[in-house]
Amino acid sequence: MNWSYLFKHWFGTLLLGPIIGQVTEYYSSVNSHLVLGYLEAYPVFIMVSLFCSSPTYILYGFLYLFLAKKNSNPNYAKVILILFAVSGVIISFWLIGGSMSFNGTISYCIASILAGLLFKLNFKKL
């Protein structure tokens, strides 16, 4: 089975999420001159995101395996997987809470949708 879609979707979301968050924060913040300083913390965002998203993507892997074994239509499976990842983002940020949770939820949901749509899903063996 080809697991590359799972990892591309996961790491694409992890890499795009903080960037989208910074762009949205820049345009919505009163102190927009302070926002670009957050880019220095990009590696920290990646590491924290990797840790926080691990439970979602472990379950995502089981769902991926289930859909692959059922020979699901790749287009429908892609939608299901993206919705599952977005649900995981929402639940994760809800559990974490905090002042940045709304912006984080929006930015990582957008990143997950973009990353999920960007890559091709192929269940066939290599």
Protein backbone atom coordinates (compact mmCIF):
# COMPACT_ATOMS: atom_id res chain seq x y z
CA MET A 1 0.00 0.00 0.00
CA ASN A 2 1.16 3.51 -0.78
CA TRP A 3 1.27 5.53 2.46
CA SER A 4 2.81 8.62 0.87
CA TYR A 5 -0.50 10.52 0.77
CA LEU A 6 -0.87 10.24 4.54
CA PHE A 7 2.60 11.66 5.17
CA LYS A 8 2.34 14.34 2.48
CA HIS A 9 -0.99 15.48 3.90
CA TRP A 10 0.33 15.49 7.46
CA PHE A 11 3.60 17.30 6.79
CA GLY A 12 1.98 19.65 4.28
CA THR A 13 -0.50 20.66 6.98
CA LEU A 14 2.30 21.07 9.52
CA LEU A 15 4.36 23.26 7.21
CA LEU A 16 1.51 25.40 5.85
CA GLY A 17 -0.41 25.90 9.10
CA PRO A 18 1.97 28.34 10.80
CA ILE A 19 2.49 30.30 7.58
CA ILE A 20 -1.24 30.70 7.00
CA GLY A 21 -1.61 31.62 10.67
CA GLN A 22 0.98 34.37 10.33
CA VAL A 23 -0.64 35.77 7.19
CA THR A 24 -4.10 35.85 8.77
CA GLU A 25 -2.71 37.32 11.99
CA TYR A 26 -0.88 40.01 10.03
CA TYR A 27 -4.07 41.21 8.37
CA SER A 28 -6.33 40.88 11.41
CA SER A 29 -4.05 42.13 14.18
CA VAL A 30 -3.94 45.64 15.57
CA ASN A 31 -0.23 45.16 16.27
CA SER A 32 0.61 43.75 12.84
CA HIS A 33 4.20 44.97 13.11
CA LEU A 34 4.77 42.36 15.86
CA VAL A 35 3.43 39.44 13.86
CA LEU A 36 6.46 38.95 11.62
CA GLY A 37 8.53 38.26 14.74
CA TYR A 38 6.59 35.02 15.12
CA LEU A 39 8.40 33.63 12.08
CA GLU A 40 11.42 33.12 14.32
CA ALA A 41 9.33 30.60 16.25
CA TYR A 42 8.46 28.62 13.09
CA PRO A 43 10.52 25.55 14.13
CA VAL A 44 8.82 25.58 17.53
CA PHE A 45 5.38 25.70 15.87
CA ILE A 46 6.38 22.72 13.71
CA MET A 47 7.55 20.65 16.69
CA VAL A 48 4.50 21.45 18.84
CA SER A 49 2.19 20.80 15.89
CA LEU A 50 3.87 17.47 15.22
CA PHE A 51 3.35 16.42 18.81
CA CYS A 52 -0.26 17.64 19.02
CA SER A 53 -1.30 16.18 15.68
CA SER A 54 0.15 12.71 16.31
CA PRO A 55 -3.02 11.21 17.87
CA THR A 56 -5.15 12.47 14.99
CA TYR A 57 -2.82 11.07 12.35
CA ILE A 58 -2.47 7.72 14.10
CA LEU A 59 -6.26 7.37 13.88
CA TYR A 60 -6.09 8.82 10.35
CA GLY A 61 -3.74 5.92 9.48
CA PHE A 62 -6.32 3.37 10.62
CA LEU A 63 -9.01 5.12 8.58
CA TYR A 64 -6.65 5.24 5.60
CA LEU A 65 -6.01 1.51 5.93
CA PHE A 66 -9.74 0.77 6.22
CA LEU A 67 -10.56 2.84 3.11
CA ALA A 68 -7.74 1.21 1.17
CA LYS A 69 -8.88 -2.32 2.06
CA LYS A 70 -12.44 -1.46 1.01
CA ASN A 71 -11.11 -0.24 -2.39
CA SER A 72 -12.92 3.05 -1.87
CA ASN A 73 -13.21 5.57 -4.65
CA PRO A 74 -10.11 7.78 -4.21
CA ASN A 75 -12.13 10.98 -4.59
CA TYR A 76 -14.57 10.03 -1.83
CA ALA A 77 -11.77 8.66 0.34
CA LYS A 78 -9.87 11.92 -0.05
CA VAL A 79 -12.88 13.93 1.13
CA ILE A 80 -13.37 11.59 4.10
CA LEU A 81 -9.69 11.80 5.06
CA ILE A 82 -9.61 15.60 4.76
CA LEU A 83 -12.76 15.94 6.86
CA PHE A 84 -11.27 13.60 9.45
CA ALA A 85 -8.06 15.64 9.61
CA VAL A 86 -10.01 18.91 9.90
CA SER A 87 -12.11 17.40 12.69
CA GLY A 88 -8.90 16.38 14.44
CA VAL A 89 -7.56 19.94 14.16
CA ILE A 90 -10.75 21.37 15.64
CA ILE A 91 -10.80 18.88 18.52
CA SER A 92 -7.10 19.37 19.25
CA PHE A 93 -7.37 23.16 19.43
CA TRP A 94 -10.56 22.89 21.48
CA LEU A 95 -8.76 20.69 24.00
CA ILE A 96 -5.71 22.96 24.12
CA GLY A 97 -7.68 26.21 24.26
CA GLY A 98 -5.89 29.49 24.81
CA SER A 99 -5.85 32.87 23.18
CA MET A 100 -4.50 31.67 19.83
CA SER A 101 -6.87 28.73 19.45
CA PHE A 102 -9.33 30.38 17.04
CA ASN A 103 -6.59 31.64 14.70
CA GLY A 104 -4.78 28.31 14.97
CA THR A 105 -7.92 26.34 14.23
CA ILE A 106 -8.70 28.39 11.13
CA SER A 107 -5.13 28.37 9.80
CA TYR A 108 -4.55 24.64 10.32
CA CYS A 109 -7.98 23.75 8.88
CA ILE A 110 -7.19 25.77 5.75
CA ALA A 111 -3.73 24.17 5.59
CA SER A 112 -5.20 20.69 5.96
CA ILE A 113 -7.73 21.27 3.21
CA LEU A 114 -5.10 22.72 0.85
CA ALA A 115 -2.57 19.97 1.57
CA GLY A 116 -5.22 17.27 1.20
CA LEU A 117 -6.37 18.61 -2.15
CA LEU A 118 -2.86 19.25 -3.42
CA PHE A 119 -1.64 15.66 -3.31
CA LYS A 120 -2.90 12.67 -5.25
CA LEU A 121 -4.41 9.76 -3.33
CA ASN A 122 -3.45 6.36 -4.69
CA PHE A 123 -4.20 3.20 -2.72
CA LYS A 124 -2.43 0.90 -5.18
CA LYS A 125 0.79 -0.86 -4.27
CA LEU A 126 3.98 0.60 -5.65
